[in-house]
C-alpha atoms as a PDB file:
ATOM      1  CA  MET A   1     -25.484  -9.214  -1.571  1.00  0.00           C
ATOM      2  CA  THR A   2     -22.312  -7.819  -0.190  1.00  0.00           C
ATOM      3  CA  TYR A   3     -19.981  -6.205  -1.735  1.00  0.00           C
ATOM      4  CA  PRO A   4     -16.884  -7.159  -2.644  1.00  0.00           C
ATOM      5  CA  PRO A   5     -18.244 -10.797  -2.515  1.00  0.00           C
ATOM      6  CA  ALA A   6     -15.825 -13.286  -0.104  1.00  0.00           C
ATOM      7  CA  TRP A   7     -13.885 -15.270  -2.694  1.00  0.00           C
ATOM      8  CA  ARG A   8     -11.950 -11.756  -3.681  1.00  0.00           C
ATOM      9  CA  LYS A   9     -11.561 -11.189   0.507  1.00  0.00           C
ATOM     10  CA  GLU A  10      -8.194 -12.698   2.455  1.00  0.00           C
ATOM     11  CA  PRO A  11      -8.397 -13.101   5.703  1.00  0.00           C
ATOM     12  CA  ASP A  12      -4.692 -13.421   6.628  1.00  0.00           C
ATOM     13  CA  PRO A  13      -3.502  -9.789   8.280  1.00  0.00           C
ATOM     14  CA  ALA A  14       0.227 -11.143   7.484  1.00  0.00           C
ATOM     15  CA  LYS A  15      -0.585 -11.043   3.711  1.00  0.00           C
ATOM     16  CA  SER A  16      -2.058  -7.401   4.745  1.00  0.00           C
ATOM     17  CA  ILE A  17       1.133  -6.873   6.026  1.00  0.00           C
ATOM     18  CA  ASP A  18       3.171  -7.711   3.900  1.00  0.00           C
ATOM     19  CA  LEU A  19       1.852  -5.778   0.605  1.00  0.00           C
ATOM     20  CA  MET A  20       1.361  -2.732   2.970  1.00  0.00           C
ATOM     21  CA  ARG A  21       5.437  -2.908   3.403  1.00  0.00           C
ATOM     22  CA  THR A  22       5.905  -3.995   0.351  1.00  0.00           C
ATOM     23  CA  HIS A  23       4.119  -1.113  -1.600  1.00  0.00           C
ATOM     24  CA  PRO A  24       3.999   1.344   0.782  1.00  0.00           C
ATOM     25  CA  PHE A  25       3.146   4.287  -0.994  1.00  0.00           C
ATOM     26  CA  ALA A  26      -0.472   4.556  -0.979  1.00  0.00           C
ATOM     27  CA  HIS A  27      -3.223   7.343  -1.118  1.00  0.00           C
ATOM     28  CA  LEU A  28      -4.580   8.900   1.829  1.00  0.00           C
ATOM     29  CA  PHE A  29      -8.332   9.429   0.989  1.00  0.00           C
ATOM     30  CA  THR A  30     -10.168  12.760   3.189  1.00  0.00           C
ATOM     31  CA  ALA A  31     -13.474  14.146   3.208  1.00  0.00           C
ATOM     32  CA  HIS A  32     -13.023  16.599   6.430  1.00  0.00           C
ATOM     33  CA  GLY A  33     -13.717  20.196   4.330  1.00  0.00           C
ATOM     34  CA  ASN A  34     -13.806  18.499   0.732  1.00  0.00           C
ATOM     35  CA  LEU A  35     -12.579  15.662  -0.609  1.00  0.00           C
ATOM     36  CA  ASN A  36      -8.902  14.774  -0.873  1.00  0.00           C
ATOM     37  CA  ALA A  37      -6.489  12.661  -1.824  1.00  0.00           C
ATOM     38  CA  THR A  38      -2.513  12.635  -1.919  1.00  0.00           C
ATOM     39  CA  ARG A  39      -0.228   9.677  -2.174  1.00  0.00           C
ATOM     40  CA  ILE A  40       2.458   9.129   0.773  1.00  0.00           C
ATOM     41  CA  PRO A  41       4.429   6.551   1.721  1.00  0.00           C
ATOM     42  CA  PHE A  42       3.483   5.082   5.121  1.00  0.00           C
ATOM     43  CA  VAL A  43       5.161   3.081   7.751  1.00  0.00           C
ATOM     44  CA  THR A  44       3.242   0.041   9.327  1.00  0.00           C
ATOM     45  CA  ASP A  45       3.302  -0.958  13.104  1.00  0.00           C
ATOM     46  CA  THR A  46       1.937  -3.665  14.038  1.00  0.00           C
ATOM     47  CA  VAL A  47       0.757  -5.393  17.581  1.00  0.00           C
ATOM     48  CA  GLY A  48       0.845  -9.128  17.537  1.00  0.00           C
ATOM     49  CA  ASN A  49       0.370 -10.148  13.549  1.00  0.00           C
ATOM     50  CA  GLN A  50      -2.137  -7.569  13.294  1.00  0.00           C
ATOM     51  CA  PRO A  51      -1.886  -3.782  11.706  1.00  0.00           C
ATOM     52  CA  ALA A  52      -2.240  -1.714  14.409  1.00  0.00           C
ATOM     53  CA  ARG A  53      -1.191   1.982  13.377  1.00  0.00           C
ATOM     54  CA  LEU A  54       0.507   3.892  10.436  1.00  0.00           C
ATOM     55  CA  ARG A  55       2.688   6.556  10.437  1.00  0.00           C
ATOM     56  CA  ALA A  56       3.440   9.785   7.469  1.00  0.00           C
ATOM     57  CA  HIS A  57       3.971  12.932   6.921  1.00  0.00           C
ATOM     58  CA  LEU A  58       2.070  15.451   4.435  1.00  0.00           C
ATOM     59  CA  ASN A  59       3.685  18.508   3.418  1.00  0.00           C
ATOM     60  CA  ALA A  60       2.277  21.408   6.141  1.00  0.00           C
ATOM     61  CA  GLN A  61       0.362  23.293   3.248  1.00  0.00           C
ATOM     62  CA  ASN A  62      -1.351  20.520   2.195  1.00  0.00           C
ATOM     63  CA  PRO A  63      -5.217  20.941   2.425  1.00  0.00           C
ATOM     64  CA  GLN A  64      -5.927  17.917   4.044  1.00  0.00           C
ATOM     65  CA  THR A  65      -3.711  19.258   7.015  1.00  0.00           C
ATOM     66  CA  ASN A  66      -6.806  21.458   7.806  1.00  0.00           C
ATOM     67  CA  GLY A  67      -8.897  18.913  10.484  1.00  0.00           C
ATOM     68  CA  LEU A  68      -6.807  15.884   9.922  1.00  0.00           C
ATOM     69  CA  ASP A  69      -6.524  15.748  13.721  1.00  0.00           C
ATOM     70  CA  GLY A  70      -9.407  13.390  14.715  1.00  0.00           C
ATOM     71  CA  ALA A  71     -10.551  13.281  11.367  1.00  0.00           C
ATOM     72  CA  GLU A  72     -11.686   9.517   9.575  1.00  0.00           C
ATOM     73  CA  VAL A  73      -9.808   8.468   6.824  1.00  0.00           C
ATOM     74  CA  LEU A  74      -9.058   6.037   4.214  1.00  0.00           C
ATOM     75  CA  VAL A  75      -5.650   4.847   2.687  1.00  0.00           C
ATOM     76  CA  VAL A  76      -5.405   2.665  -0.009  1.00  0.00           C
ATOM     77  CA  PHE A  77      -2.544   0.806  -0.841  1.00  0.00           C
ATOM     78  CA  SER A  78      -2.062  -0.537  -4.311  1.00  0.00           C
ATOM     79  CA  GLY A  79      -0.125  -4.048  -4.811  1.00  0.00           C
ATOM     80  CA  PRO A  80       0.182  -5.180  -8.384  1.00  0.00           C
ATOM     81  CA  SER A  81      -2.241  -5.197 -10.944  1.00  0.00           C
ATOM     82  CA  THR A  82      -2.618  -6.520 -14.936  1.00  0.00           C
ATOM     83  CA  TYR A  83      -4.902  -6.239 -17.609  1.00  0.00           C
ATOM     84  CA  VAL A  84      -6.675 -10.116 -18.447  1.00  0.00           C
ATOM     85  CA  SER A  85      -7.579 -10.758 -22.403  1.00  0.00           C
ATOM     86  CA  PRO A  86     -10.332 -12.628 -23.165  1.00  0.00           C
ATOM     87  CA  HIS A  87      -7.881 -14.594 -25.430  1.00  0.00           C
ATOM     88  CA  TRP A  88      -5.700 -15.864 -22.468  1.00  0.00           C
ATOM     89  CA  ARG A  89      -8.774 -18.246 -20.774  1.00  0.00           C
ATOM     90  CA  ILE A  90      -9.879 -21.462 -22.185  1.00  0.00           C
ATOM     91  CA  ASP A  91     -13.488 -20.299 -22.106  1.00  0.00           C
ATOM     92  CA  LYS A  92     -13.912 -17.341 -24.357  1.00  0.00           C
ATOM     93  CA  GLY A  93     -16.905 -16.596 -23.372  1.00  0.00           C
ATOM     94  CA  ARG A  94     -16.334 -13.841 -20.879  1.00  0.00           C
ATOM     95  CA  GLY A  95     -14.864 -10.135 -21.388  1.00  0.00           C
ATOM     96  CA  GLY A  96     -11.508  -8.537 -20.282  1.00  0.00           C
ATOM     97  CA  THR A  97     -11.132  -7.383 -17.005  1.00  0.00           C
ATOM     98  CA  TYR A  98      -8.546  -6.832 -14.013  1.00  0.00           C
ATOM     99  CA  ASP A  99      -6.724  -8.856 -12.117  1.00  0.00           C
ATOM    100  CA  PHE A 100      -5.489  -6.781  -8.432  1.00  0.00           C
ATOM    101  CA  GLU A 101      -4.343  -6.813  -5.021  1.00  0.00           C
ATOM    102  CA  GLN A 102      -5.269  -3.772  -2.715  1.00  0.00           C
ATOM    103  CA  VAL A 103      -5.208  -3.048   1.378  1.00  0.00           C
ATOM    104  CA  THR A 104      -7.708  -1.017   2.697  1.00  0.00           C
ATOM    105  CA  ILE A 105      -7.411   0.778   6.107  1.00  0.00           C
ATOM    106  CA  ARG A 106      -9.754   2.904   7.582  1.00  0.00           C
ATOM    107  CA  GLY A 107      -9.294   4.746  11.212  1.00  0.00           C
ATOM    108  CA  THR A 108      -8.818   8.296  13.002  1.00  0.00           C
ATOM    109  CA  ALA A 109      -5.681  10.336  12.590  1.00  0.00           C
ATOM    110  CA  LYS A 110      -3.868  11.933  14.901  1.00  0.00           C
ATOM    111  CA  VAL A 111      -1.487  15.208  14.799  1.00  0.00           C
ATOM    112  CA  VAL A 112       1.819  14.344  16.206  1.00  0.00           C
ATOM    113  CA  ASP A 113       3.974  16.372  17.139  1.00  0.00           C
ATOM    114  CA  GLY A 114       7.875  16.340  18.018  1.00  0.00           C
ATOM    115  CA  LEU A 115      11.579  16.870  16.473  1.00  0.00           C
ATOM    116  CA  ASP A 116      12.624  13.083  17.593  1.00  0.00           C
ATOM    117  CA  ALA A 117       9.048  11.068  16.513  1.00  0.00           C
ATOM    118  CA  PHE A 118       9.836  12.764  12.849  1.00  0.00           C
ATOM    119  CA  CYS A 119      12.930  11.537  12.937  1.00  0.00           C
ATOM    120  CA  SER A 120      12.023   8.012  13.973  1.00  0.00           C
ATOM    121  CA  LEU A 121       9.646   8.368  11.104  1.00  0.00           C
ATOM    122  CA  ILE A 122      12.092   8.930   8.442  1.00  0.00           C
ATOM    123  CA  ASP A 123      14.946   6.619   9.426  1.00  0.00           C
ATOM    124  CA  ASP A 124      11.989   3.740   9.569  1.00  0.00           C
ATOM    125  CA  LEU A 125      10.984   4.957   5.986  1.00  0.00           C
ATOM    126  CA  SER A 126      14.361   4.717   5.094  1.00  0.00           C
ATOM    127  CA  SER A 127      14.725   1.437   6.651  1.00  0.00           C
ATOM    128  CA  LEU A 128      11.894   0.106   4.591  1.00  0.00           C
ATOM    129  CA  ILE A 129      12.541   1.627   1.055  1.00  0.00           C
ATOM    130  CA  GLU A 130      15.375   1.608   0.566  1.00  0.00           C
ATOM    131  CA  PRO A 131      16.738  -2.182   0.980  1.00  0.00           C
ATOM    132  CA  GLN A 132      13.950  -2.518  -1.769  1.00  0.00           C
ATOM    133  CA  TYR A 133      16.571  -0.574  -4.526  1.00  0.00           C
ATOM    134  CA  ALA A 134      19.931  -2.484  -2.927  1.00  0.00           C
ATOM    135  CA  GLU A 135      20.538  -3.207  -6.540  1.00  0.00           C
ATOM    136  CA  VAL A 136      20.710   0.031  -7.538  1.00  0.00           C
ATOM    137  CA  GLY A 137      24.681   0.231  -5.603  1.00  0.00           C
ATOM    138  CA  ASP A 138      26.050  -0.759  -2.700  1.00  0.00           C
ATOM    139  CA  TYR A 139      25.028   2.018   0.188  1.00  0.00           C
ATOM    140  CA  PRO A 140      23.828   2.328   3.366  1.00  0.00           C
ATOM    141  CA  VAL A 141      20.378   2.936   4.709  1.00  0.00           C
ATOM    142  CA  TRP A 142      19.867   6.660   4.364  1.00  0.00           C
ATOM    143  CA  LEU A 143      19.044   8.245   8.254  1.00  0.00           C
ATOM    144  CA  THR A 144      18.536  11.585   9.545  1.00  0.00           C
ATOM    145  CA  SER A 145      21.909  11.257  11.184  1.00  0.00           C
ATOM    146  CA  MET A 146      23.601  11.793   8.027  1.00  0.00           C
ATOM    147  CA  ALA A 147      21.257  14.873   7.061  1.00  0.00           C
ATOM    148  CA  PRO A 148      23.574  18.649   6.623  1.00  0.00           C
ATOM    149  CA  GLU A 149      23.844  19.993  10.076  1.00  0.00           C
ATOM    150  CA  GLY A 150      20.652  21.789  10.699  1.00  0.00           C
ATOM    151  CA  TYR A 151      18.462  20.198   7.475  1.00  0.00           C
ATOM    152  CA  ILE A 152      15.928  18.385   9.996  1.00  0.00           C
ATOM    153  CA  GLU A 153      15.208  21.291  11.462  1.00  0.00           C
ATOM    154  CA  ARG A 154      15.072  23.410   8.938  1.00  0.00           C
ATOM    155  CA  LEU A 155      12.449  20.917   7.225  1.00  0.00           C
ATOM    156  CA  TYR A 156      10.685  19.997  10.357  1.00  0.00           C
ATOM    157  CA  PRO A 157       7.916  23.446  10.522  1.00  0.00           C
ATOM    158  CA  HIS A 158       7.001  23.185   6.893  1.00  0.00           C
ATOM    159  CA  ILE A 159       5.672  19.090   7.560  1.00  0.00           C
ATOM    160  CA  THR A 160       2.680  17.833   9.331  1.00  0.00           C
ATOM    161  CA  GLN A 161       3.443  14.357  10.967  1.00  0.00           C
ATOM    162  CA  PHE A 162       0.448  12.120  11.915  1.00  0.00           C
ATOM    163  CA  GLU A 163      -0.496   8.794  12.794  1.00  0.00           C
ATOM    164  CA  ILE A 164      -3.664   6.473  11.854  1.00  0.00           C
ATOM    165  CA  GLU A 165      -5.281   4.411  14.422  1.00  0.00           C
ATOM    166  CA  VAL A 166      -6.071   1.371  12.572  1.00  0.00           C
ATOM    167  CA  GLN A 167      -9.914   0.328  12.898  1.00  0.00           C
ATOM    168  CA  HIS A 168     -10.477  -1.643   9.719  1.00  0.00           C
ATOM    169  CA  CYS A 169      -8.270  -3.523   7.343  1.00  0.00           C
ATOM    170  CA  GLU A 170      -9.234  -5.213   4.569  1.00  0.00           C
ATOM    171  CA  LEU A 171      -7.573  -7.165   1.636  1.00  0.00           C
ATOM    172  CA  ILE A 172      -8.816  -7.751  -1.583  1.00  0.00           C
ATOM    173  CA  SER A 173      -7.525 -10.178  -3.889  1.00  0.00           C
ATOM    174  CA  LYS A 174      -9.147 -10.482  -6.814  1.00  0.00           C
ATOM    175  CA  LEU A 175      -6.859 -13.419  -9.353  1.00  0.00           C
ATOM    176  CA  HIS A 176     -10.125 -15.229 -11.132  1.00  0.00           C
ATOM    177  CA  GLN A 177     -10.713 -17.599  -8.428  1.00  0.00           C
ATOM    178  CA  GLN A 178     -14.282 -17.890  -9.457  1.00  0.00           C
ATOM    179  CA  PHE A 179     -12.681 -19.553 -12.765  1.00  0.00           C
ATOM    180  CA  PRO A 180     -11.639 -23.348 -13.343  1.00  0.00           C
ATOM    181  CA  GLN A 181      -8.024 -24.190 -12.805  1.00  0.00           C
ATOM    182  CA  GLU A 182      -7.246 -24.560 -16.614  1.00  0.00           C
ATOM    183  CA  ASP A 183      -8.433 -20.813 -17.290  1.00  0.00           C
ATOM    184  CA  ARG A 184      -6.553 -19.563 -14.015  1.00  0.00           C
ATOM    185  CA  GLN A 185      -3.286 -21.877 -15.297  1.00  0.00           C
ATOM    186  CA  SER A 186      -3.285 -20.866 -19.375  1.00  0.00           C
ATOM    187  CA  ILE A 187      -3.506 -16.726 -17.395  1.00  0.00           C
ATOM    188  CA  ALA A 188      -0.654 -17.129 -15.769  1.00  0.00           C
ATOM    189  CA  ASP A 189       0.965 -18.299 -18.319  1.00  0.00           C
ATOM    190  CA  HIS A 190      -0.203 -15.762 -20.595  1.00  0.00           C
ATOM    191  CA  LEU A 191       0.996 -13.021 -17.790  1.00  0.00           C
ATOM    192  CA  ASP A 192       4.654 -14.649 -17.414  1.00  0.00           C
ATOM    193  CA  ARG A 193       4.986 -13.527 -20.760  1.00  0.00           C
ATOM    194  CA  CYS A 194       4.480  -9.944 -20.154  1.00  0.00           C
ATOM    195  CA  ASP A 195       7.042  -7.367 -19.812  1.00  0.00           C
ATOM    196  CA  ARG A 196       5.148  -5.801 -17.267  1.00  0.00           C
ATOM    197  CA  ASP A 197       6.681  -6.743 -13.554  1.00  0.00           C
ATOM    198  CA  ASP A 198       3.269  -5.832 -12.083  1.00  0.00           C
ATOM    199  CA  SER A 199       1.372  -8.959 -14.777  1.00  0.00           C
ATOM    200  CA  ARG A 200       3.992 -11.208 -13.992  1.00  0.00           C
ATOM    201  CA  ALA A 201       3.611 -10.722 -10.194  1.00  0.00           C
ATOM    202  CA  ILE A 202      -0.210 -11.504 -10.514  1.00  0.00           C
ATOM    203  CA  ALA A 203       0.890 -14.695 -12.606  1.00  0.00           C
ATOM    204  CA  SER A 204       3.042 -15.469  -9.053  1.00  0.00           C
ATOM    205  CA  ARG A 205       0.151 -15.035  -6.947  1.00  0.00           C
ATOM    206  CA  ILE A 206      -2.894 -16.897  -9.347  1.00  0.00           C
ATOM    207  CA  ARG A 207      -0.344 -19.840  -9.029  1.00  0.00           C
ATOM    208  CA  GLU A 208       0.509 -19.698  -5.451  1.00  0.00           C
ATOM    209  CA  SER A 209      -3.568 -19.903  -5.179  1.00  0.00           C
ATOM    210  CA  LEU A 210      -3.873 -22.787  -7.636  1.00  0.00           C
END
């Protein structure tokens, strides 16, 4: 038996890219030396319609930077998630669970040098993330060119920037696919009444997949 089951796997790479760019704040897991995890934002670069490379940076004092160059790494992008109560299904015969979406990336890390590359990384992160908060105010996207003179140069020695060559990408969508349509419709209706943004997002994804 394979795990996760085939019905949870979403084969469309465009959907993986969309989740990774909508939820760029991901967990970086490493196993060189000791097991470690850090949550950081990533830029996803593509070739054609496939995720090809991730770019990010760590505080240089983070133990994950030791031995990072050439290390095999795991990155997990967490999409929306929500609890589903048995009360919300037509068939009450099965227990509660969580529905969720996530993208798992496996690849090899490469440490990158260069102030220009760092500025490009930060500018790309800002251009990706700041528009997601546009409702806060009418501000231009913050770029490194707006930083006080000398700020980036003083910051740069204290970071480790790196890239990850994507070797495997997997999007998992657990949206009650194995349940009858009337159960899925009832779950979506209940989730739409939740105050949680994630719950309503999962409701929308269930409806899209009906």
